[in-house]
Structures are given as C-alpha cells and as structure tokens.
Amino acid sequence: MLKITFLGHACFLLDDGETKVLTDPYLSGNPLAAVSPDEVEADYIFVSHGHGDHIGDAPEIATRCGAAVGGSVEMTGAMFGKSGIETIPGNIGGRTELPFGSVKLVPAIHGSGVPGALACGFVFEIGGKRVYFAGDTALTKDMELLEYDMIDVALLPIGDVYTMGPEDAARAAWMIRPGMVIPMHYGTFPIIEQTADRFVDYMQDLAAGIPVKVLAPGESLTL
C-alpha cells in the first residue's frame, strides 16, 4: 500500500504506513501549500536541487523530525552537511537501499542551484510501488530508459518556462509508459500560471491510454 499526497508545487508525501518520504518541501511562501512546515512529519526528505522552491523548508523539517535528507552528493554536502542533519548523498545512476525500499538518482536537465552539483530526479521503491519524481527537468531522451524500471506513478512538471511544459510532459509520459501520471510544478507563480487542462488534452493526443490523476494540494491517492 502506498499513499501519495500532493502538498503543492513539487512537494509530495509518500507514505507506506510505516515510513514517510517527503520531496522538495517548499511550503513557507508557497501560496498553494496545503500545510505549513510544522504540520508535516517525515522520516526522509529528498531534494532534487538547490533552488529555493525545492530546498524550501527541508532544513527545518529535517531538524524537527530527525529526518535524513537525500540528493546529489554536492548539493547535500553544501546545503545540509554543516548543519548536523544526516544526509544520504548519491549521484546520477546510483541506487541506495534504505529501510523503506530504495532510491535511485536519475538525470534532470536543469540548473542545480549549487556550484558543481547536478539536478536530479528520483525513482523510489516504496510500498511495493515504483514512483518516478522528475524534479525540475526538460524533456530528455534518457526518459526512455525509465520504461525498463516499470514505473507505477510518474510525477511530472508541466509548468513550462523553467521546466518542460504540458506538451513535452505528455511526450515524457509516452516515453516512460508509467501506470499513471500526476502533474506538478504549475500554477504556483504567475510565470507558470495554468491549470492541468492542457496537459490532460496533450496526454489524450500523445500518450493515449496512460491515466492522468490531477491532485489539488492536500489531495491524496492510495495505490
């Protein structure tokens, strides 16, 4: 069993009933955040890159909850290594076994926000499911390789401007062939203001047969 809760922007809570995994917890200052940082419980936090709308409240939540923070080795070292927070450093292509399952770092085409670091996405094995969290990324040919991971749910940015937009996200879905897609990283700021309607339309045209589940901040899906 896996419960996926969308908390806004690129923040998701993955809960298998025993372990809570949080992604990119940008909550403070996020007008669409479903909760405040002090309402979130997490055992692990994974941060895709060092931009403020992805690091977000990770240091505060990790300190309060005693959560370990995972991501690229350069990013975790620069942003968390001197704070006393436990880190789970990795790099692109590497998989780390953890009590809840595993996490693999995969490429993301985006600025890292930290000199020398790489932006990344994550493939989580948790609750008997495989979840691809794309982070901030452009469409990339490497996404075709994710089909072999047999992804159950793909969490894809659709906001455009700083990431791939609705059309490219639908192409990404077709390359990945997940069991389901949940859109993210849209509507938070004026420059990425849009609904998921265009993405749903492109999915019907470019990735027919792959279900889309649009979650409002605070909504959950149980697999």
C-alpha atoms as a PDB file:
ATOM      1  CA  MET A   1       0.000   0.000   0.000  1.00  0.00           C
ATOM      2  CA  LEU A   2       1.232   3.472  -0.836  1.00  0.00           C
ATOM      3  CA  LYS A   3      -0.489   6.765  -0.139  1.00  0.00           C
ATOM      4  CA  ILE A   4       0.670   9.732  -2.249  1.00  0.00           C
ATOM      5  CA  THR A   5      -0.326  13.182  -1.000  1.00  0.00           C
ATOM      6  CA  PHE A   6       0.303  16.317  -3.047  1.00  0.00           C
ATOM      7  CA  LEU A   7       1.231  19.241  -0.796  1.00  0.00           C
ATOM      8  CA  GLY A   8       1.763  21.794  -3.570  1.00  0.00           C
ATOM      9  CA  HIS A   9       4.336  22.747  -6.248  1.00  0.00           C
ATOM     10  CA  ALA A  10       6.757  19.785  -6.247  1.00  0.00           C
ATOM     11  CA  CYS A  11       6.140  18.596  -2.702  1.00  0.00           C
ATOM     12  CA  PHE A  12       4.710  15.113  -2.249  1.00  0.00           C
ATOM     13  CA  LEU A  13       4.434  12.890   0.794  1.00  0.00           C
ATOM     14  CA  LEU A  14       4.845   9.163   0.103  1.00  0.00           C
ATOM     15  CA  ASP A  15       3.546   7.059   2.974  1.00  0.00           C
ATOM     16  CA  ASP A  16       3.634   3.246   3.049  1.00  0.00           C
ATOM     17  CA  GLY A  17       2.096   3.071   6.505  1.00  0.00           C
ATOM     18  CA  GLU A  18       5.464   2.803   8.239  1.00  0.00           C
ATOM     19  CA  THR A  19       7.714   5.359   6.558  1.00  0.00           C
ATOM     20  CA  LYS A  20       7.034   8.880   5.334  1.00  0.00           C
ATOM     21  CA  VAL A  21       9.136  10.197   2.423  1.00  0.00           C
ATOM     22  CA  LEU A  22       8.872  13.883   1.532  1.00  0.00           C
ATOM     23  CA  THR A  23      10.027  15.521  -1.708  1.00  0.00           C
ATOM     24  CA  ASP A  24      11.107  19.134  -2.323  1.00  0.00           C
ATOM     25  CA  PRO A  25       9.230  20.648   0.653  1.00  0.00           C
ATOM     26  CA  TYR A  26       8.600  24.206  -0.488  1.00  0.00           C
ATOM     27  CA  LEU A  27       5.774  25.169   1.882  1.00  0.00           C
ATOM     28  CA  SER A  28       6.638  28.508   3.525  1.00  0.00           C
ATOM     29  CA  GLY A  29       5.965  31.241   0.983  1.00  0.00           C
ATOM     30  CA  ASN A  30       4.101  28.861  -1.305  1.00  0.00           C
ATOM     31  CA  PRO A  31       0.612  30.313  -1.876  1.00  0.00           C
ATOM     32  CA  LEU A  32      -0.755  26.884  -2.825  1.00  0.00           C
ATOM     33  CA  ALA A  33       0.796  24.873   0.015  1.00  0.00           C
ATOM     34  CA  ALA A  34      -1.729  22.558   1.654  1.00  0.00           C
ATOM     35  CA  VAL A  35       0.036  22.565   5.027  1.00  0.00           C
ATOM     36  CA  SER A  36       2.571  24.557   6.990  1.00  0.00           C
ATOM     37  CA  PRO A  37       6.063  23.138   7.594  1.00  0.00           C
ATOM     38  CA  ASP A  38       5.370  22.432  11.257  1.00  0.00           C
ATOM     39  CA  GLU A  39       2.420  20.216  10.312  1.00  0.00           C
ATOM     40  CA  VAL A  40       4.486  17.811   8.227  1.00  0.00           C
ATOM     41  CA  GLU A  41       6.038  14.616   9.569  1.00  0.00           C
ATOM     42  CA  ALA A  42       8.809  12.930   7.598  1.00  0.00           C
ATOM     43  CA  ASP A  43      11.351  10.171   8.076  1.00  0.00           C
ATOM     44  CA  TYR A  44      13.223  11.020   4.876  1.00  0.00           C
ATOM     45  CA  ILE A  45      13.366  14.141   2.713  1.00  0.00           C
ATOM     46  CA  PHE A  46      14.671  14.087  -0.854  1.00  0.00           C
ATOM     47  CA  VAL A  47      15.658  17.334  -2.543  1.00  0.00           C
ATOM     48  CA  SER A  48      16.108  17.377  -6.311  1.00  0.00           C
ATOM     49  CA  HIS A  49      18.278  20.515  -6.497  1.00  0.00           C
ATOM     50  CA  GLY A  50      19.276  23.644  -4.647  1.00  0.00           C
ATOM     51  CA  HIS A  51      16.766  26.234  -5.840  1.00  0.00           C
ATOM     52  CA  GLY A  52      14.738  27.874  -3.092  1.00  0.00           C
ATOM     53  CA  ASP A  53      11.396  26.497  -4.281  1.00  0.00           C
ATOM     54  CA  HIS A  54      12.759  22.962  -3.854  1.00  0.00           C
ATOM     55  CA  ILE A  55      15.062  23.170  -0.836  1.00  0.00           C
ATOM     56  CA  GLY A  56      12.203  25.053   0.766  1.00  0.00           C
ATOM     57  CA  ASP A  57      11.698  24.079   4.396  1.00  0.00           C
ATOM     58  CA  ALA A  58      13.821  20.930   4.264  1.00  0.00           C
ATOM     59  CA  PRO A  59      16.338  22.067   6.922  1.00  0.00           C
ATOM     60  CA  GLU A  60      13.639  22.987   9.429  1.00  0.00           C
ATOM     61  CA  ILE A  61      11.554  19.864   8.848  1.00  0.00           C
ATOM     62  CA  ALA A  62      14.589  17.585   8.960  1.00  0.00           C
ATOM     63  CA  THR A  63      15.778  19.130  12.222  1.00  0.00           C
ATOM     64  CA  ARG A  64      12.357  18.903  13.877  1.00  0.00           C
ATOM     65  CA  CYS A  65      11.615  15.355  12.704  1.00  0.00           C
ATOM     66  CA  GLY A  66      15.121  13.919  12.777  1.00  0.00           C
ATOM     67  CA  ALA A  67      14.746  13.098   9.076  1.00  0.00           C
ATOM     68  CA  ALA A  68      17.669  12.279   6.798  1.00  0.00           C
ATOM     69  CA  VAL A  69      17.981  14.362   3.614  1.00  0.00           C
ATOM     70  CA  GLY A  70      18.904  12.760   0.300  1.00  0.00           C
ATOM     71  CA  GLY A  71      20.058  14.149  -3.031  1.00  0.00           C
ATOM     72  CA  SER A  72      23.213  14.685  -5.042  1.00  0.00           C
ATOM     73  CA  VAL A  73      26.419  14.496  -3.031  1.00  0.00           C
ATOM     74  CA  GLU A  74      27.437  18.076  -3.824  1.00  0.00           C
ATOM     75  CA  MET A  75      24.020  19.509  -3.014  1.00  0.00           C
ATOM     76  CA  THR A  76      23.547  17.611   0.249  1.00  0.00           C
ATOM     77  CA  GLY A  77      27.063  18.497   1.334  1.00  0.00           C
ATOM     78  CA  ALA A  78      26.736  22.193   0.534  1.00  0.00           C
ATOM     79  CA  MET A  79      23.203  22.722   1.843  1.00  0.00           C
ATOM     80  CA  PHE A  80      22.993  20.267   4.761  1.00  0.00           C
ATOM     81  CA  GLY A  81      26.425  18.857   5.525  1.00  0.00           C
ATOM     82  CA  LYS A  82      27.449  21.539   8.035  1.00  0.00           C
ATOM     83  CA  SER A  83      24.136  21.638   9.877  1.00  0.00           C
ATOM     84  CA  GLY A  84      24.344  18.308  11.656  1.00  0.00           C
ATOM     85  CA  ILE A  85      21.461  16.910   9.575  1.00  0.00           C
ATOM     86  CA  GLU A  86      22.008  13.320   8.455  1.00  0.00           C
ATOM     87  CA  THR A  87      22.412  13.119   4.685  1.00  0.00           C
ATOM     88  CA  ILE A  88      22.007  10.409   2.062  1.00  0.00           C
ATOM     89  CA  PRO A  89      24.385  11.508  -0.690  1.00  0.00           C
ATOM     90  CA  GLY A  90      24.239   9.951  -4.132  1.00  0.00           C
ATOM     91  CA  ASN A  91      24.834  10.694  -7.770  1.00  0.00           C
ATOM     92  CA  ILE A  92      23.182  10.108 -11.120  1.00  0.00           C
ATOM     93  CA  GLY A  93      22.593   6.424 -11.826  1.00  0.00           C
ATOM     94  CA  GLY A  94      23.285   5.284  -8.279  1.00  0.00           C
ATOM     95  CA  ARG A  95      20.773   3.388  -6.169  1.00  0.00           C
ATOM     96  CA  THR A  96      20.739   3.405  -2.356  1.00  0.00           C
ATOM     97  CA  GLU A  97      18.989   0.694  -0.351  1.00  0.00           C
ATOM     98  CA  LEU A  98      17.006   2.111   2.569  1.00  0.00           C
ATOM     99  CA  PRO A  99      14.675   0.603   5.205  1.00  0.00           C
ATOM    100  CA  PHE A 100      11.576   1.505   3.166  1.00  0.00           C
ATOM    101  CA  GLY A 101      12.980   0.168  -0.116  1.00  0.00           C
ATOM    102  CA  SER A 102      15.378   2.144  -2.276  1.00  0.00           C
ATOM    103  CA  VAL A 103      16.003   5.387  -4.131  1.00  0.00           C
ATOM    104  CA  LYS A 104      17.811   5.840  -7.424  1.00  0.00           C
ATOM    105  CA  LEU A 105      19.031   9.207  -8.710  1.00  0.00           C
ATOM    106  CA  VAL A 106      18.215   9.835 -12.365  1.00  0.00           C
ATOM    107  CA  PRO A 107      19.058  12.710 -14.714  1.00  0.00           C
ATOM    108  CA  ALA A 108      17.204  16.012 -14.726  1.00  0.00           C
ATOM    109  CA  ILE A 109      18.107  18.735 -17.208  1.00  0.00           C
ATOM    110  CA  HIS A 110      18.007  21.876 -15.066  1.00  0.00           C
ATOM    111  CA  GLY A 111      20.217  24.244 -13.124  1.00  0.00           C
ATOM    112  CA  SER A 112      21.326  22.813  -9.794  1.00  0.00           C
ATOM    113  CA  GLY A 113      21.429  25.958  -7.686  1.00  0.00           C
ATOM    114  CA  VAL A 114      24.703  24.706  -6.163  1.00  0.00           C
ATOM    115  CA  PRO A 115      28.080  25.107  -7.920  1.00  0.00           C
ATOM    116  CA  GLY A 116      29.401  21.742  -9.066  1.00  0.00           C
ATOM    117  CA  ALA A 117      26.184  19.892  -8.290  1.00  0.00           C
ATOM    118  CA  LEU A 118      23.745  18.193 -10.651  1.00  0.00           C
ATOM    119  CA  ALA A 119      19.983  18.482 -10.583  1.00  0.00           C
ATOM    120  CA  CYS A 120      18.315  15.089 -10.419  1.00  0.00           C
ATOM    121  CA  GLY A 121      15.088  13.167 -10.230  1.00  0.00           C
ATOM    122  CA  PHE A 122      14.380  10.121  -8.101  1.00  0.00           C
ATOM    123  CA  VAL A 123      12.950   6.648  -8.603  1.00  0.00           C
ATOM    124  CA  PHE A 124      11.589   5.451  -5.275  1.00  0.00           C
ATOM    125  CA  GLU A 125      10.747   1.853  -4.452  1.00  0.00           C
ATOM    126  CA  ILE A 126       8.319   2.130  -1.563  1.00  0.00           C
ATOM    127  CA  GLY A 127       5.170   0.311  -0.516  1.00  0.00           C
ATOM    128  CA  GLY A 128       5.598  -2.216  -3.313  1.00  0.00           C
ATOM    129  CA  LYS A 129       5.449   0.548  -5.948  1.00  0.00           C
ATOM    130  CA  ARG A 130       7.917   2.443  -8.089  1.00  0.00           C
ATOM    131  CA  VAL A 131       7.452   6.194  -8.170  1.00  0.00           C
ATOM    132  CA  TYR A 132       9.372   8.468 -10.517  1.00  0.00           C
ATOM    133  CA  PHE A 133       9.721  12.006  -9.175  1.00  0.00           C
ATOM    134  CA  ALA A 134      11.106  14.025 -12.077  1.00  0.00           C
ATOM    135  CA  GLY A 135      12.085  17.167 -10.176  1.00  0.00           C
ATOM    136  CA  ASP A 136      12.638  20.169 -12.437  1.00  0.00           C
ATOM    137  CA  THR A 137      13.591  18.944 -15.877  1.00  0.00           C
ATOM    138  CA  ALA A 138      13.335  19.414 -19.590  1.00  0.00           C
ATOM    139  CA  LEU A 139      12.227  16.579 -21.826  1.00  0.00           C
ATOM    140  CA  THR A 140      15.216  14.317 -22.339  1.00  0.00           C
ATOM    141  CA  LYS A 141      15.840  11.196 -24.382  1.00  0.00           C
ATOM    142  CA  ASP A 142      17.092   9.486 -21.216  1.00  0.00           C
ATOM    143  CA  MET A 143      13.492   9.193 -20.069  1.00  0.00           C
ATOM    144  CA  GLU A 144      13.060   6.289 -22.480  1.00  0.00           C
ATOM    145  CA  LEU A 145      15.244   4.222 -20.137  1.00  0.00           C
ATOM    146  CA  LEU A 146      12.699   4.637 -17.349  1.00  0.00           C
ATOM    147  CA  GLU A 147      10.308   2.334 -19.215  1.00  0.00           C
ATOM    148  CA  TYR A 148      12.529  -0.549 -18.073  1.00  0.00           C
ATOM    149  CA  ASP A 149      12.001   0.453 -14.428  1.00  0.00           C
ATOM    150  CA  MET A 150       8.267  -0.292 -14.832  1.00  0.00           C
ATOM    151  CA  ILE A 151       7.183   2.922 -13.128  1.00  0.00           C
ATOM    152  CA  ASP A 152       3.811   2.760 -11.373  1.00  0.00           C
ATOM    153  CA  VAL A 153       3.405   6.532 -10.957  1.00  0.00           C
ATOM    154  CA  ALA A 154       5.301   9.364 -12.661  1.00  0.00           C
ATOM    155  CA  LEU A 155       5.255  12.802 -11.027  1.00  0.00           C
ATOM    156  CA  LEU A 156       5.987  15.205 -13.885  1.00  0.00           C
ATOM    157  CA  PRO A 157       6.408  19.005 -14.016  1.00  0.00           C
ATOM    158  CA  ILE A 158       4.167  20.730 -16.564  1.00  0.00           C
ATOM    159  CA  GLY A 159       4.574  24.434 -15.772  1.00  0.00           C
ATOM    160  CA  ASP A 160       6.805  25.414 -18.710  1.00  0.00           C
ATOM    161  CA  VAL A 161       9.335  28.308 -18.643  1.00  0.00           C
ATOM    162  CA  TYR A 162      11.634  26.678 -16.044  1.00  0.00           C
ATOM    163  CA  THR A 163      10.705  23.055 -16.803  1.00  0.00           C
ATOM    164  CA  MET A 164       9.056  21.127 -19.591  1.00  0.00           C
ATOM    165  CA  GLY A 165       5.561  22.299 -20.432  1.00  0.00           C
ATOM    166  CA  PRO A 166       2.349  20.333 -20.956  1.00  0.00           C
ATOM    167  CA  GLU A 167       3.190  19.060 -24.441  1.00  0.00           C
ATOM    168  CA  ASP A 168       6.698  17.879 -23.601  1.00  0.00           C
ATOM    169  CA  ALA A 169       5.447  16.360 -20.342  1.00  0.00           C
ATOM    170  CA  ALA A 170       2.960  14.273 -22.315  1.00  0.00           C
ATOM    171  CA  ARG A 171       5.806  13.151 -24.596  1.00  0.00           C
ATOM    172  CA  ALA A 172       7.784  12.235 -21.492  1.00  0.00           C
ATOM    173  CA  ALA A 173       4.868  10.147 -20.246  1.00  0.00           C
ATOM    174  CA  TRP A 174       4.763   8.254 -23.543  1.00  0.00           C
ATOM    175  CA  MET A 175       8.490   7.529 -23.280  1.00  0.00           C
ATOM    176  CA  ILE A 176       8.255   6.366 -19.661  1.00  0.00           C
ATOM    177  CA  ARG A 177       4.997   4.368 -20.022  1.00  0.00           C
ATOM    178  CA  PRO A 178       4.041   4.574 -16.329  1.00  0.00           C
ATOM    179  CA  GLY A 179       0.887   3.146 -14.844  1.00  0.00           C
ATOM    180  CA  MET A 180      -0.269   6.677 -14.037  1.00  0.00           C
ATOM    181  CA  VAL A 181       0.894  10.305 -14.266  1.00  0.00           C
ATOM    182  CA  ILE A 182       0.381  13.072 -11.715  1.00  0.00           C
ATOM    183  CA  PRO A 183       1.276  16.610 -12.869  1.00  0.00           C
ATOM    184  CA  MET A 184       3.160  19.044 -10.631  1.00  0.00           C
ATOM    185  CA  HIS A 185       5.115  22.316 -10.654  1.00  0.00           C
ATOM    186  CA  TYR A 186       2.456  24.534 -12.186  1.00  0.00           C
ATOM    187  CA  GLY A 187       0.215  27.386 -11.065  1.00  0.00           C
ATOM    188  CA  THR A 188       2.381  28.379  -8.102  1.00  0.00           C
ATOM    189  CA  PHE A 189       3.712  31.641  -9.546  1.00  0.00           C
ATOM    190  CA  PRO A 190       2.325  33.963 -12.243  1.00  0.00           C
ATOM    191  CA  ILE A 191       5.023  32.899 -14.720  1.00  0.00           C
ATOM    192  CA  ILE A 192       3.869  29.263 -14.534  1.00  0.00           C
ATOM    193  CA  GLU A 193       0.203  30.043 -14.006  1.00  0.00           C
ATOM    194  CA  GLN A 194      -2.007  27.468 -15.717  1.00  0.00           C
ATOM    195  CA  THR A 195      -4.307  24.587 -14.940  1.00  0.00           C
ATOM    196  CA  ALA A 196      -3.649  20.956 -15.827  1.00  0.00           C
ATOM    197  CA  ASP A 197      -6.263  21.025 -18.618  1.00  0.00           C
ATOM    198  CA  ARG A 198      -3.769  21.458 -21.466  1.00  0.00           C
ATOM    199  CA  PHE A 199      -1.659  18.633 -20.118  1.00  0.00           C
ATOM    200  CA  VAL A 200      -4.674  16.336 -19.953  1.00  0.00           C
ATOM    201  CA  ASP A 201      -5.511  17.241 -23.571  1.00  0.00           C
ATOM    202  CA  TYR A 202      -1.941  16.552 -24.726  1.00  0.00           C
ATOM    203  CA  MET A 203      -1.959  13.241 -22.882  1.00  0.00           C
ATOM    204  CA  GLN A 204      -5.014  12.186 -24.861  1.00  0.00           C
ATOM    205  CA  ASP A 205      -3.244  13.105 -28.105  1.00  0.00           C
ATOM    206  CA  LEU A 206       0.333  11.995 -27.392  1.00  0.00           C
ATOM    207  CA  ALA A 207       0.104   9.382 -24.638  1.00  0.00           C
ATOM    208  CA  ALA A 208      -3.326   7.836 -25.056  1.00  0.00           C
ATOM    209  CA  GLY A 209      -4.074   5.037 -22.637  1.00  0.00           C
ATOM    210  CA  ILE A 210      -1.916   6.340 -19.792  1.00  0.00           C
ATOM    211  CA  PRO A 211      -4.177   7.543 -16.962  1.00  0.00           C
ATOM    212  CA  VAL A 212      -3.757  11.040 -15.519  1.00  0.00           C
ATOM    213  CA  LYS A 213      -4.670  11.915 -11.950  1.00  0.00           C
ATOM    214  CA  VAL A 214      -4.747  15.636 -11.202  1.00  0.00           C
ATOM    215  CA  LEU A 215      -4.382  16.229  -7.466  1.00  0.00           C
ATOM    216  CA  ALA A 216      -5.193  19.536  -5.842  1.00  0.00           C
ATOM    217  CA  PRO A 217      -2.894  20.495  -2.970  1.00  0.00           C
ATOM    218  CA  GLY A 218      -3.912  18.415   0.019  1.00  0.00           C
ATOM    219  CA  GLU A 219      -5.453  15.603  -2.029  1.00  0.00           C
ATOM    220  CA  SER A 220      -4.202  12.027  -1.816  1.00  0.00           C
ATOM    221  CA  LEU A 221      -4.164   8.887  -3.927  1.00  0.00           C
ATOM    222  CA  THR A 222      -3.784   5.398  -2.480  1.00  0.00           C
ATOM    223  CA  LEU A 223      -2.329   2.612  -4.599  1.00  0.00           C
END
